[in-house]
PDBML (XML) file of the C-alpha atoms, coordinates in Angstrom:
<?xml version="1.0" encoding="UTF-8" ?>
<PDBx:datablock datablockName="MODEL"
   xmlns:PDBx="http://pdbml.pdb.org/schema/pdbx-v50.xsd"
   xmlns:xsi="http://www.w3.org/2001/XMLSchema-instance"
   xsi:schemaLocation="http://pdbml.pdb.org/schema/pdbx-v50.xsd pdbx-v50.xsd">
   <PDBx:atom_siteCategory>
      <PDBx:atom_site id="1">
         <PDBx:B_iso_or_equiv>0.00</PDBx:B_iso_or_equiv>
         <PDBx:Cartn_x>0.000</PDBx:Cartn_x>
         <PDBx:Cartn_y>0.000</PDBx:Cartn_y>
         <PDBx:Cartn_z>0.000</PDBx:Cartn_z>
         <PDBx:auth_asym_id>A</PDBx:auth_asym_id>
         <PDBx:auth_atom_id>CA</PDBx:auth_atom_id>
         <PDBx:auth_comp_id>SER</PDBx:auth_comp_id>
         <PDBx:auth_seq_id>1</PDBx:auth_seq_id>
         <PDBx:group_PDB>ATOM</PDBx:group_PDB>
         <PDBx:label_alt_id xsi:nil="true" />
         <PDBx:label_asym_id>A</PDBx:label_asym_id>
         <PDBx:label_atom_id>CA</PDBx:label_atom_id>
         <PDBx:label_comp_id>SER</PDBx:label_comp_id>
         <PDBx:label_entity_id>1</PDBx:label_entity_id>
         <PDBx:label_seq_id>1</PDBx:label_seq_id>
         <PDBx:occupancy>1.00</PDBx:occupancy>
         <PDBx:pdbx_PDB_model_num>1</PDBx:pdbx_PDB_model_num>
         <PDBx:type_symbol>C</PDBx:type_symbol>
      </PDBx:atom_site>
      <PDBx:atom_site id="2">
         <PDBx:B_iso_or_equiv>0.00</PDBx:B_iso_or_equiv>
         <PDBx:Cartn_x>2.801</PDBx:Cartn_x>
         <PDBx:Cartn_y>2.417</PDBx:Cartn_y>
         <PDBx:Cartn_z>0.854</PDBx:Cartn_z>
         <PDBx:auth_asym_id>A</PDBx:auth_asym_id>
         <PDBx:auth_atom_id>CA</PDBx:auth_atom_id>
         <PDBx:auth_comp_id>GLU</PDBx:auth_comp_id>
         <PDBx:auth_seq_id>2</PDBx:auth_seq_id>
         <PDBx:group_PDB>ATOM</PDBx:group_PDB>
         <PDBx:label_alt_id xsi:nil="true" />
         <PDBx:label_asym_id>A</PDBx:label_asym_id>
         <PDBx:label_atom_id>CA</PDBx:label_atom_id>
         <PDBx:label_comp_id>GLU</PDBx:label_comp_id>
         <PDBx:label_entity_id>1</PDBx:label_entity_id>
         <PDBx:label_seq_id>2</PDBx:label_seq_id>
         <PDBx:occupancy>1.00</PDBx:occupancy>
         <PDBx:pdbx_PDB_model_num>1</PDBx:pdbx_PDB_model_num>
         <PDBx:type_symbol>C</PDBx:type_symbol>
      </PDBx:atom_site>
      <PDBx:atom_site id="3">
         <PDBx:B_iso_or_equiv>0.00</PDBx:B_iso_or_equiv>
         <PDBx:Cartn_x>4.639</PDBx:Cartn_x>
         <PDBx:Cartn_y>1.632</PDBx:Cartn_y>
         <PDBx:Cartn_z>-2.385</PDBx:Cartn_z>
         <PDBx:auth_asym_id>A</PDBx:auth_asym_id>
         <PDBx:auth_atom_id>CA</PDBx:auth_atom_id>
         <PDBx:auth_comp_id>LEU</PDBx:auth_comp_id>
         <PDBx:auth_seq_id>3</PDBx:auth_seq_id>
         <PDBx:group_PDB>ATOM</PDBx:group_PDB>
         <PDBx:label_alt_id xsi:nil="true" />
         <PDBx:label_asym_id>A</PDBx:label_asym_id>
         <PDBx:label_atom_id>CA</PDBx:label_atom_id>
         <PDBx:label_comp_id>LEU</PDBx:label_comp_id>
         <PDBx:label_entity_id>1</PDBx:label_entity_id>
         <PDBx:label_seq_id>3</PDBx:label_seq_id>
         <PDBx:occupancy>1.00</PDBx:occupancy>
         <PDBx:pdbx_PDB_model_num>1</PDBx:pdbx_PDB_model_num>
         <PDBx:type_symbol>C</PDBx:type_symbol>
      </PDBx:atom_site>
      <PDBx:atom_site id="4">
         <PDBx:B_iso_or_equiv>0.00</PDBx:B_iso_or_equiv>
         <PDBx:Cartn_x>1.461</PDBx:Cartn_x>
         <PDBx:Cartn_y>2.124</PDBx:Cartn_y>
         <PDBx:Cartn_z>-4.403</PDBx:Cartn_z>
         <PDBx:auth_asym_id>A</PDBx:auth_asym_id>
         <PDBx:auth_atom_id>CA</PDBx:auth_atom_id>
         <PDBx:auth_comp_id>MET</PDBx:auth_comp_id>
         <PDBx:auth_seq_id>4</PDBx:auth_seq_id>
         <PDBx:group_PDB>ATOM</PDBx:group_PDB>
         <PDBx:label_alt_id xsi:nil="true" />
         <PDBx:label_asym_id>A</PDBx:label_asym_id>
         <PDBx:label_atom_id>CA</PDBx:label_atom_id>
         <PDBx:label_comp_id>MET</PDBx:label_comp_id>
         <PDBx:label_entity_id>1</PDBx:label_entity_id>
         <PDBx:label_seq_id>4</PDBx:label_seq_id>
         <PDBx:occupancy>1.00</PDBx:occupancy>
         <PDBx:pdbx_PDB_model_num>1</PDBx:pdbx_PDB_model_num>
         <PDBx:type_symbol>C</PDBx:type_symbol>
      </PDBx:atom_site>
      <PDBx:atom_site id="5">
         <PDBx:B_iso_or_equiv>0.00</PDBx:B_iso_or_equiv>
         <PDBx:Cartn_x>0.939</PDBx:Cartn_x>
         <PDBx:Cartn_y>5.510</PDBx:Cartn_y>
         <PDBx:Cartn_z>-2.692</PDBx:Cartn_z>
         <PDBx:auth_asym_id>A</PDBx:auth_asym_id>
         <PDBx:auth_atom_id>CA</PDBx:auth_atom_id>
         <PDBx:auth_comp_id>GLN</PDBx:auth_comp_id>
         <PDBx:auth_seq_id>5</PDBx:auth_seq_id>
         <PDBx:group_PDB>ATOM</PDBx:group_PDB>
         <PDBx:label_alt_id xsi:nil="true" />
         <PDBx:label_asym_id>A</PDBx:label_asym_id>
         <PDBx:label_atom_id>CA</PDBx:label_atom_id>
         <PDBx:label_comp_id>GLN</PDBx:label_comp_id>
         <PDBx:label_entity_id>1</PDBx:label_entity_id>
         <PDBx:label_seq_id>5</PDBx:label_seq_id>
         <PDBx:occupancy>1.00</PDBx:occupancy>
         <PDBx:pdbx_PDB_model_num>1</PDBx:pdbx_PDB_model_num>
         <PDBx:type_symbol>C</PDBx:type_symbol>
      </PDBx:atom_site>
      <PDBx:atom_site id="6">
         <PDBx:B_iso_or_equiv>0.00</PDBx:B_iso_or_equiv>
         <PDBx:Cartn_x>4.474</PDBx:Cartn_x>
         <PDBx:Cartn_y>6.620</PDBx:Cartn_y>
         <PDBx:Cartn_z>-3.552</PDBx:Cartn_z>
         <PDBx:auth_asym_id>A</PDBx:auth_asym_id>
         <PDBx:auth_atom_id>CA</PDBx:auth_atom_id>
         <PDBx:auth_comp_id>VAL</PDBx:auth_comp_id>
         <PDBx:auth_seq_id>6</PDBx:auth_seq_id>
         <PDBx:group_PDB>ATOM</PDBx:group_PDB>
         <PDBx:label_alt_id xsi:nil="true" />
         <PDBx:label_asym_id>A</PDBx:label_asym_id>
         <PDBx:label_atom_id>CA</PDBx:label_atom_id>
         <PDBx:label_comp_id>VAL</PDBx:label_comp_id>
         <PDBx:label_entity_id>1</PDBx:label_entity_id>
         <PDBx:label_seq_id>6</PDBx:label_seq_id>
         <PDBx:occupancy>1.00</PDBx:occupancy>
         <PDBx:pdbx_PDB_model_num>1</PDBx:pdbx_PDB_model_num>
         <PDBx:type_symbol>C</PDBx:type_symbol>
      </PDBx:atom_site>
      <PDBx:atom_site id="7">
         <PDBx:B_iso_or_equiv>0.00</PDBx:B_iso_or_equiv>
         <PDBx:Cartn_x>3.979</PDBx:Cartn_x>
         <PDBx:Cartn_y>5.633</PDBx:Cartn_y>
         <PDBx:Cartn_z>-7.195</PDBx:Cartn_z>
         <PDBx:auth_asym_id>A</PDBx:auth_asym_id>
         <PDBx:auth_atom_id>CA</PDBx:auth_atom_id>
         <PDBx:auth_comp_id>ILE</PDBx:auth_comp_id>
         <PDBx:auth_seq_id>7</PDBx:auth_seq_id>
         <PDBx:group_PDB>ATOM</PDBx:group_PDB>
         <PDBx:label_alt_id xsi:nil="true" />
         <PDBx:label_asym_id>A</PDBx:label_asym_id>
         <PDBx:label_atom_id>CA</PDBx:label_atom_id>
         <PDBx:label_comp_id>ILE</PDBx:label_comp_id>
         <PDBx:label_entity_id>1</PDBx:label_entity_id>
         <PDBx:label_seq_id>7</PDBx:label_seq_id>
         <PDBx:occupancy>1.00</PDBx:occupancy>
         <PDBx:pdbx_PDB_model_num>1</PDBx:pdbx_PDB_model_num>
         <PDBx:type_symbol>C</PDBx:type_symbol>
      </PDBx:atom_site>
      <PDBx:atom_site id="8">
         <PDBx:B_iso_or_equiv>0.00</PDBx:B_iso_or_equiv>
         <PDBx:Cartn_x>0.588</PDBx:Cartn_x>
         <PDBx:Cartn_y>7.360</PDBx:Cartn_y>
         <PDBx:Cartn_z>-7.264</PDBx:Cartn_z>
         <PDBx:auth_asym_id>A</PDBx:auth_asym_id>
         <PDBx:auth_atom_id>CA</PDBx:auth_atom_id>
         <PDBx:auth_comp_id>SER</PDBx:auth_comp_id>
         <PDBx:auth_seq_id>8</PDBx:auth_seq_id>
         <PDBx:group_PDB>ATOM</PDBx:group_PDB>
         <PDBx:label_alt_id xsi:nil="true" />
         <PDBx:label_asym_id>A</PDBx:label_asym_id>
         <PDBx:label_atom_id>CA</PDBx:label_atom_id>
         <PDBx:label_comp_id>SER</PDBx:label_comp_id>
         <PDBx:label_entity_id>1</PDBx:label_entity_id>
         <PDBx:label_seq_id>8</PDBx:label_seq_id>
         <PDBx:occupancy>1.00</PDBx:occupancy>
         <PDBx:pdbx_PDB_model_num>1</PDBx:pdbx_PDB_model_num>
         <PDBx:type_symbol>C</PDBx:type_symbol>
      </PDBx:atom_site>
      <PDBx:atom_site id="9">
         <PDBx:B_iso_or_equiv>0.00</PDBx:B_iso_or_equiv>
         <PDBx:Cartn_x>2.087</PDBx:Cartn_x>
         <PDBx:Cartn_y>10.527</PDBx:Cartn_y>
         <PDBx:Cartn_z>-5.751</PDBx:Cartn_z>
         <PDBx:auth_asym_id>A</PDBx:auth_asym_id>
         <PDBx:auth_atom_id>CA</PDBx:auth_atom_id>
         <PDBx:auth_comp_id>ASP</PDBx:auth_comp_id>
         <PDBx:auth_seq_id>9</PDBx:auth_seq_id>
         <PDBx:group_PDB>ATOM</PDBx:group_PDB>
         <PDBx:label_alt_id xsi:nil="true" />
         <PDBx:label_asym_id>A</PDBx:label_asym_id>
         <PDBx:label_atom_id>CA</PDBx:label_atom_id>
         <PDBx:label_comp_id>ASP</PDBx:label_comp_id>
         <PDBx:label_entity_id>1</PDBx:label_entity_id>
         <PDBx:label_seq_id>9</PDBx:label_seq_id>
         <PDBx:occupancy>1.00</PDBx:occupancy>
         <PDBx:pdbx_PDB_model_num>1</PDBx:pdbx_PDB_model_num>
         <PDBx:type_symbol>C</PDBx:type_symbol>
      </PDBx:atom_site>
      <PDBx:atom_site id="10">
         <PDBx:B_iso_or_equiv>0.00</PDBx:B_iso_or_equiv>
         <PDBx:Cartn_x>4.840</PDBx:Cartn_x>
         <PDBx:Cartn_y>10.492</PDBx:Cartn_y>
         <PDBx:Cartn_z>-8.379</PDBx:Cartn_z>
         <PDBx:auth_asym_id>A</PDBx:auth_asym_id>
         <PDBx:auth_atom_id>CA</PDBx:auth_atom_id>
         <PDBx:auth_comp_id>TYR</PDBx:auth_comp_id>
         <PDBx:auth_seq_id>10</PDBx:auth_seq_id>
         <PDBx:group_PDB>ATOM</PDBx:group_PDB>
         <PDBx:label_alt_id xsi:nil="true" />
         <PDBx:label_asym_id>A</PDBx:label_asym_id>
         <PDBx:label_atom_id>CA</PDBx:label_atom_id>
         <PDBx:label_comp_id>TYR</PDBx:label_comp_id>
         <PDBx:label_entity_id>1</PDBx:label_entity_id>
         <PDBx:label_seq_id>10</PDBx:label_seq_id>
         <PDBx:occupancy>1.00</PDBx:occupancy>
         <PDBx:pdbx_PDB_model_num>1</PDBx:pdbx_PDB_model_num>
         <PDBx:type_symbol>C</PDBx:type_symbol>
      </PDBx:atom_site>
      <PDBx:atom_site id="11">
         <PDBx:B_iso_or_equiv>0.00</PDBx:B_iso_or_equiv>
         <PDBx:Cartn_x>2.379</PDBx:Cartn_x>
         <PDBx:Cartn_y>10.387</PDBx:Cartn_y>
         <PDBx:Cartn_z>-11.286</PDBx:Cartn_z>
         <PDBx:auth_asym_id>A</PDBx:auth_asym_id>
         <PDBx:auth_atom_id>CA</PDBx:auth_atom_id>
         <PDBx:auth_comp_id>PHE</PDBx:auth_comp_id>
         <PDBx:auth_seq_id>11</PDBx:auth_seq_id>
         <PDBx:group_PDB>ATOM</PDBx:group_PDB>
         <PDBx:label_alt_id xsi:nil="true" />
         <PDBx:label_asym_id>A</PDBx:label_asym_id>
         <PDBx:label_atom_id>CA</PDBx:label_atom_id>
         <PDBx:label_comp_id>PHE</PDBx:label_comp_id>
         <PDBx:label_entity_id>1</PDBx:label_entity_id>
         <PDBx:label_seq_id>11</PDBx:label_seq_id>
         <PDBx:occupancy>1.00</PDBx:occupancy>
         <PDBx:pdbx_PDB_model_num>1</PDBx:pdbx_PDB_model_num>
         <PDBx:type_symbol>C</PDBx:type_symbol>
      </PDBx:atom_site>
      <PDBx:atom_site id="12">
         <PDBx:B_iso_or_equiv>0.00</PDBx:B_iso_or_equiv>
         <PDBx:Cartn_x>0.152</PDBx:Cartn_x>
         <PDBx:Cartn_y>13.027</PDBx:Cartn_y>
         <PDBx:Cartn_z>-9.665</PDBx:Cartn_z>
         <PDBx:auth_asym_id>A</PDBx:auth_asym_id>
         <PDBx:auth_atom_id>CA</PDBx:auth_atom_id>
         <PDBx:auth_comp_id>ALA</PDBx:auth_comp_id>
         <PDBx:auth_seq_id>12</PDBx:auth_seq_id>
         <PDBx:group_PDB>ATOM</PDBx:group_PDB>
         <PDBx:label_alt_id xsi:nil="true" />
         <PDBx:label_asym_id>A</PDBx:label_asym_id>
         <PDBx:label_atom_id>CA</PDBx:label_atom_id>
         <PDBx:label_comp_id>ALA</PDBx:label_comp_id>
         <PDBx:label_entity_id>1</PDBx:label_entity_id>
         <PDBx:label_seq_id>12</PDBx:label_seq_id>
         <PDBx:occupancy>1.00</PDBx:occupancy>
         <PDBx:pdbx_PDB_model_num>1</PDBx:pdbx_PDB_model_num>
         <PDBx:type_symbol>C</PDBx:type_symbol>
      </PDBx:atom_site>
      <PDBx:atom_site id="13">
         <PDBx:B_iso_or_equiv>0.00</PDBx:B_iso_or_equiv>
         <PDBx:Cartn_x>3.194</PDBx:Cartn_x>
         <PDBx:Cartn_y>15.315</PDBx:Cartn_y>
         <PDBx:Cartn_z>-9.387</PDBx:Cartn_z>
         <PDBx:auth_asym_id>A</PDBx:auth_asym_id>
         <PDBx:auth_atom_id>CA</PDBx:auth_atom_id>
         <PDBx:auth_comp_id>LYS</PDBx:auth_comp_id>
         <PDBx:auth_seq_id>13</PDBx:auth_seq_id>
         <PDBx:group_PDB>ATOM</PDBx:group_PDB>
         <PDBx:label_alt_id xsi:nil="true" />
         <PDBx:label_asym_id>A</PDBx:label_asym_id>
         <PDBx:label_atom_id>CA</PDBx:label_atom_id>
         <PDBx:label_comp_id>LYS</PDBx:label_comp_id>
         <PDBx:label_entity_id>1</PDBx:label_entity_id>
         <PDBx:label_seq_id>13</PDBx:label_seq_id>
         <PDBx:occupancy>1.00</PDBx:occupancy>
         <PDBx:pdbx_PDB_model_num>1</PDBx:pdbx_PDB_model_num>
         <PDBx:type_symbol>C</PDBx:type_symbol>
      </PDBx:atom_site>
      <PDBx:atom_site id="14">
         <PDBx:B_iso_or_equiv>0.00</PDBx:B_iso_or_equiv>
         <PDBx:Cartn_x>4.040</PDBx:Cartn_x>
         <PDBx:Cartn_y>14.696</PDBx:Cartn_y>
         <PDBx:Cartn_z>-13.046</PDBx:Cartn_z>
         <PDBx:auth_asym_id>A</PDBx:auth_asym_id>
         <PDBx:auth_atom_id>CA</PDBx:auth_atom_id>
         <PDBx:auth_comp_id>GLN</PDBx:auth_comp_id>
         <PDBx:auth_seq_id>14</PDBx:auth_seq_id>
         <PDBx:group_PDB>ATOM</PDBx:group_PDB>
         <PDBx:label_alt_id xsi:nil="true" />
         <PDBx:label_asym_id>A</PDBx:label_asym_id>
         <PDBx:label_atom_id>CA</PDBx:label_atom_id>
         <PDBx:label_comp_id>GLN</PDBx:label_comp_id>
         <PDBx:label_entity_id>1</PDBx:label_entity_id>
         <PDBx:label_seq_id>14</PDBx:label_seq_id>
         <PDBx:occupancy>1.00</PDBx:occupancy>
         <PDBx:pdbx_PDB_model_num>1</PDBx:pdbx_PDB_model_num>
         <PDBx:type_symbol>C</PDBx:type_symbol>
      </PDBx:atom_site>
      <PDBx:atom_site id="15">
         <PDBx:B_iso_or_equiv>0.00</PDBx:B_iso_or_equiv>
         <PDBx:Cartn_x>0.471</PDBx:Cartn_x>
         <PDBx:Cartn_y>15.588</PDBx:Cartn_y>
         <PDBx:Cartn_z>-14.048</PDBx:Cartn_z>
         <PDBx:auth_asym_id>A</PDBx:auth_asym_id>
         <PDBx:auth_atom_id>CA</PDBx:auth_atom_id>
         <PDBx:auth_comp_id>ALA</PDBx:auth_comp_id>
         <PDBx:auth_seq_id>15</PDBx:auth_seq_id>
         <PDBx:group_PDB>ATOM</PDBx:group_PDB>
         <PDBx:label_alt_id xsi:nil="true" />
         <PDBx:label_asym_id>A</PDBx:label_asym_id>
         <PDBx:label_atom_id>CA</PDBx:label_atom_id>
         <PDBx:label_comp_id>ALA</PDBx:label_comp_id>
         <PDBx:label_entity_id>1</PDBx:label_entity_id>
         <PDBx:label_seq_id>15</PDBx:label_seq_id>
         <PDBx:occupancy>1.00</PDBx:occupancy>
         <PDBx:pdbx_PDB_model_num>1</PDBx:pdbx_PDB_model_num>
         <PDBx:type_symbol>C</PDBx:type_symbol>
      </PDBx:atom_site>
      <PDBx:atom_site id="16">
         <PDBx:B_iso_or_equiv>0.00</PDBx:B_iso_or_equiv>
         <PDBx:Cartn_x>0.554</PDBx:Cartn_x>
         <PDBx:Cartn_y>18.771</PDBx:Cartn_y>
         <PDBx:Cartn_z>-11.948</PDBx:Cartn_z>
         <PDBx:auth_asym_id>A</PDBx:auth_asym_id>
         <PDBx:auth_atom_id>CA</PDBx:auth_atom_id>
         <PDBx:auth_comp_id>ASP</PDBx:auth_comp_id>
         <PDBx:auth_seq_id>16</PDBx:auth_seq_id>
         <PDBx:group_PDB>ATOM</PDBx:group_PDB>
         <PDBx:label_alt_id xsi:nil="true" />
         <PDBx:label_asym_id>A</PDBx:label_asym_id>
         <PDBx:label_atom_id>CA</PDBx:label_atom_id>
         <PDBx:label_comp_id>ASP</PDBx:label_comp_id>
         <PDBx:label_entity_id>1</PDBx:label_entity_id>
         <PDBx:label_seq_id>16</PDBx:label_seq_id>
         <PDBx:occupancy>1.00</PDBx:occupancy>
         <PDBx:pdbx_PDB_model_num>1</PDBx:pdbx_PDB_model_num>
         <PDBx:type_symbol>C</PDBx:type_symbol>
      </PDBx:atom_site>
      <PDBx:atom_site id="17">
         <PDBx:B_iso_or_equiv>0.00</PDBx:B_iso_or_equiv>
         <PDBx:Cartn_x>3.823</PDBx:Cartn_x>
         <PDBx:Cartn_y>19.829</PDBx:Cartn_y>
         <PDBx:Cartn_z>-13.557</PDBx:Cartn_z>
         <PDBx:auth_asym_id>A</PDBx:auth_asym_id>
         <PDBx:auth_atom_id>CA</PDBx:auth_atom_id>
         <PDBx:auth_comp_id>GLU</PDBx:auth_comp_id>
         <PDBx:auth_seq_id>17</PDBx:auth_seq_id>
         <PDBx:group_PDB>ATOM</PDBx:group_PDB>
         <PDBx:label_alt_id xsi:nil="true" />
         <PDBx:label_asym_id>A</PDBx:label_asym_id>
         <PDBx:label_atom_id>CA</PDBx:label_atom_id>
         <PDBx:label_comp_id>GLU</PDBx:label_comp_id>
         <PDBx:label_entity_id>1</PDBx:label_entity_id>
         <PDBx:label_seq_id>17</PDBx:label_seq_id>
         <PDBx:occupancy>1.00</PDBx:occupancy>
         <PDBx:pdbx_PDB_model_num>1</PDBx:pdbx_PDB_model_num>
         <PDBx:type_symbol>C</PDBx:type_symbol>
      </PDBx:atom_site>
      <PDBx:atom_site id="18">
         <PDBx:B_iso_or_equiv>0.00</PDBx:B_iso_or_equiv>
         <PDBx:Cartn_x>2.416</PDBx:Cartn_x>
         <PDBx:Cartn_y>19.236</PDBx:Cartn_y>
         <PDBx:Cartn_z>-17.047</PDBx:Cartn_z>
         <PDBx:auth_asym_id>A</PDBx:auth_asym_id>
         <PDBx:auth_atom_id>CA</PDBx:auth_atom_id>
         <PDBx:auth_comp_id>GLU</PDBx:auth_comp_id>
         <PDBx:auth_seq_id>18</PDBx:auth_seq_id>
         <PDBx:group_PDB>ATOM</PDBx:group_PDB>
         <PDBx:label_alt_id xsi:nil="true" />
         <PDBx:label_asym_id>A</PDBx:label_asym_id>
         <PDBx:label_atom_id>CA</PDBx:label_atom_id>
         <PDBx:label_comp_id>GLU</PDBx:label_comp_id>
         <PDBx:label_entity_id>1</PDBx:label_entity_id>
         <PDBx:label_seq_id>18</PDBx:label_seq_id>
         <PDBx:occupancy>1.00</PDBx:occupancy>
         <PDBx:pdbx_PDB_model_num>1</PDBx:pdbx_PDB_model_num>
         <PDBx:type_symbol>C</PDBx:type_symbol>
      </PDBx:atom_site>
      <PDBx:atom_site id="19">
         <PDBx:B_iso_or_equiv>0.00</PDBx:B_iso_or_equiv>
         <PDBx:Cartn_x>-0.729</PDBx:Cartn_x>
         <PDBx:Cartn_y>21.224</PDBx:Cartn_y>
         <PDBx:Cartn_z>-16.262</PDBx:Cartn_z>
         <PDBx:auth_asym_id>A</PDBx:auth_asym_id>
         <PDBx:auth_atom_id>CA</PDBx:auth_atom_id>
         <PDBx:auth_comp_id>ILE</PDBx:auth_comp_id>
         <PDBx:auth_seq_id>19</PDBx:auth_seq_id>
         <PDBx:group_PDB>ATOM</PDBx:group_PDB>
         <PDBx:label_alt_id xsi:nil="true" />
         <PDBx:label_asym_id>A</PDBx:label_asym_id>
         <PDBx:label_atom_id>CA</PDBx:label_atom_id>
         <PDBx:label_comp_id>ILE</PDBx:label_comp_id>
         <PDBx:label_entity_id>1</PDBx:label_entity_id>
         <PDBx:label_seq_id>19</PDBx:label_seq_id>
         <PDBx:occupancy>1.00</PDBx:occupancy>
         <PDBx:pdbx_PDB_model_num>1</PDBx:pdbx_PDB_model_num>
         <PDBx:type_symbol>C</PDBx:type_symbol>
      </PDBx:atom_site>
      <PDBx:atom_site id="20">
         <PDBx:B_iso_or_equiv>0.00</PDBx:B_iso_or_equiv>
         <PDBx:Cartn_x>1.455</PDBx:Cartn_x>
         <PDBx:Cartn_y>24.073</PDBx:Cartn_y>
         <PDBx:Cartn_z>-14.958</PDBx:Cartn_z>
         <PDBx:auth_asym_id>A</PDBx:auth_asym_id>
         <PDBx:auth_atom_id>CA</PDBx:auth_atom_id>
         <PDBx:auth_comp_id>ASP</PDBx:auth_comp_id>
         <PDBx:auth_seq_id>20</PDBx:auth_seq_id>
         <PDBx:group_PDB>ATOM</PDBx:group_PDB>
         <PDBx:label_alt_id xsi:nil="true" />
         <PDBx:label_asym_id>A</PDBx:label_asym_id>
         <PDBx:label_atom_id>CA</PDBx:label_atom_id>
         <PDBx:label_comp_id>ASP</PDBx:label_comp_id>
         <PDBx:label_entity_id>1</PDBx:label_entity_id>
         <PDBx:label_seq_id>20</PDBx:label_seq_id>
         <PDBx:occupancy>1.00</PDBx:occupancy>
         <PDBx:pdbx_PDB_model_num>1</PDBx:pdbx_PDB_model_num>
         <PDBx:type_symbol>C</PDBx:type_symbol>
      </PDBx:atom_site>
      <PDBx:atom_site id="21">
         <PDBx:B_iso_or_equiv>0.00</PDBx:B_iso_or_equiv>
         <PDBx:Cartn_x>3.518</PDBx:Cartn_x>
         <PDBx:Cartn_y>23.959</PDBx:Cartn_y>
         <PDBx:Cartn_z>-18.163</PDBx:Cartn_z>
         <PDBx:auth_asym_id>A</PDBx:auth_asym_id>
         <PDBx:auth_atom_id>CA</PDBx:auth_atom_id>
         <PDBx:auth_comp_id>ARG</PDBx:auth_comp_id>
         <PDBx:auth_seq_id>21</PDBx:auth_seq_id>
         <PDBx:group_PDB>ATOM</PDBx:group_PDB>
         <PDBx:label_alt_id xsi:nil="true" />
         <PDBx:label_asym_id>A</PDBx:label_asym_id>
         <PDBx:label_atom_id>CA</PDBx:label_atom_id>
         <PDBx:label_comp_id>ARG</PDBx:label_comp_id>
         <PDBx:label_entity_id>1</PDBx:label_entity_id>
         <PDBx:label_seq_id>21</PDBx:label_seq_id>
         <PDBx:occupancy>1.00</PDBx:occupancy>
         <PDBx:pdbx_PDB_model_num>1</PDBx:pdbx_PDB_model_num>
         <PDBx:type_symbol>C</PDBx:type_symbol>
      </PDBx:atom_site>
      <PDBx:atom_site id="22">
         <PDBx:B_iso_or_equiv>0.00</PDBx:B_iso_or_equiv>
         <PDBx:Cartn_x>0.394</PDBx:Cartn_x>
         <PDBx:Cartn_y>24.049</PDBx:Cartn_y>
         <PDBx:Cartn_z>-20.343</PDBx:Cartn_z>
         <PDBx:auth_asym_id>A</PDBx:auth_asym_id>
         <PDBx:auth_atom_id>CA</PDBx:auth_atom_id>
         <PDBx:auth_comp_id>LEU</PDBx:auth_comp_id>
         <PDBx:auth_seq_id>22</PDBx:auth_seq_id>
         <PDBx:group_PDB>ATOM</PDBx:group_PDB>
         <PDBx:label_alt_id xsi:nil="true" />
         <PDBx:label_asym_id>A</PDBx:label_asym_id>
         <PDBx:label_atom_id>CA</PDBx:label_atom_id>
         <PDBx:label_comp_id>LEU</PDBx:label_comp_id>
         <PDBx:label_entity_id>1</PDBx:label_entity_id>
         <PDBx:label_seq_id>22</PDBx:label_seq_id>
         <PDBx:occupancy>1.00</PDBx:occupancy>
         <PDBx:pdbx_PDB_model_num>1</PDBx:pdbx_PDB_model_num>
         <PDBx:type_symbol>C</PDBx:type_symbol>
      </PDBx:atom_site>
      <PDBx:atom_site id="23">
         <PDBx:B_iso_or_equiv>0.00</PDBx:B_iso_or_equiv>
         <PDBx:Cartn_x>-0.907</PDBx:Cartn_x>
         <PDBx:Cartn_y>27.002</PDBx:Cartn_y>
         <PDBx:Cartn_z>-18.332</PDBx:Cartn_z>
         <PDBx:auth_asym_id>A</PDBx:auth_asym_id>
         <PDBx:auth_atom_id>CA</PDBx:auth_atom_id>
         <PDBx:auth_comp_id>TRP</PDBx:auth_comp_id>
         <PDBx:auth_seq_id>23</PDBx:auth_seq_id>
         <PDBx:group_PDB>ATOM</PDBx:group_PDB>
         <PDBx:label_alt_id xsi:nil="true" />
         <PDBx:label_asym_id>A</PDBx:label_asym_id>
         <PDBx:label_atom_id>CA</PDBx:label_atom_id>
         <PDBx:label_comp_id>TRP</PDBx:label_comp_id>
         <PDBx:label_entity_id>1</PDBx:label_entity_id>
         <PDBx:label_seq_id>23</PDBx:label_seq_id>
         <PDBx:occupancy>1.00</PDBx:occupancy>
         <PDBx:pdbx_PDB_model_num>1</PDBx:pdbx_PDB_model_num>
         <PDBx:type_symbol>C</PDBx:type_symbol>
      </PDBx:atom_site>
      <PDBx:atom_site id="24">
         <PDBx:B_iso_or_equiv>0.00</PDBx:B_iso_or_equiv>
         <PDBx:Cartn_x>2.407</PDBx:Cartn_x>
         <PDBx:Cartn_y>28.886</PDBx:Cartn_y>
         <PDBx:Cartn_z>-18.588</PDBx:Cartn_z>
         <PDBx:auth_asym_id>A</PDBx:auth_asym_id>
         <PDBx:auth_atom_id>CA</PDBx:auth_atom_id>
         <PDBx:auth_comp_id>GLU</PDBx:auth_comp_id>
         <PDBx:auth_seq_id>24</PDBx:auth_seq_id>
         <PDBx:group_PDB>ATOM</PDBx:group_PDB>
         <PDBx:label_alt_id xsi:nil="true" />
         <PDBx:label_asym_id>A</PDBx:label_asym_id>
         <PDBx:label_atom_id>CA</PDBx:label_atom_id>
         <PDBx:label_comp_id>GLU</PDBx:label_comp_id>
         <PDBx:label_entity_id>1</PDBx:label_entity_id>
         <PDBx:label_seq_id>24</PDBx:label_seq_id>
         <PDBx:occupancy>1.00</PDBx:occupancy>
         <PDBx:pdbx_PDB_model_num>1</PDBx:pdbx_PDB_model_num>
         <PDBx:type_symbol>C</PDBx:type_symbol>
      </PDBx:atom_site>
      <PDBx:atom_site id="25">
         <PDBx:B_iso_or_equiv>0.00</PDBx:B_iso_or_equiv>
         <PDBx:Cartn_x>2.581</PDBx:Cartn_x>
         <PDBx:Cartn_y>28.237</PDBx:Cartn_y>
         <PDBx:Cartn_z>-22.342</PDBx:Cartn_z>
         <PDBx:auth_asym_id>A</PDBx:auth_asym_id>
         <PDBx:auth_atom_id>CA</PDBx:auth_atom_id>
         <PDBx:auth_comp_id>ASP</PDBx:auth_comp_id>
         <PDBx:auth_seq_id>25</PDBx:auth_seq_id>
         <PDBx:group_PDB>ATOM</PDBx:group_PDB>
         <PDBx:label_alt_id xsi:nil="true" />
         <PDBx:label_asym_id>A</PDBx:label_asym_id>
         <PDBx:label_atom_id>CA</PDBx:label_atom_id>
         <PDBx:label_comp_id>ASP</PDBx:label_comp_id>
         <PDBx:label_entity_id>1</PDBx:label_entity_id>
         <PDBx:label_seq_id>25</PDBx:label_seq_id>
         <PDBx:occupancy>1.00</PDBx:occupancy>
         <PDBx:pdbx_PDB_model_num>1</PDBx:pdbx_PDB_model_num>
         <PDBx:type_symbol>C</PDBx:type_symbol>
      </PDBx:atom_site>
   </PDBx:atom_siteCategory>
</PDBx:datablock>
């Protein structure tokens, strides 16, 4: 469960960064 949460958090962070990039562009 902890490992799955870490992986989930990683992909959520990647999505947030991409949304920020799209907004900035």
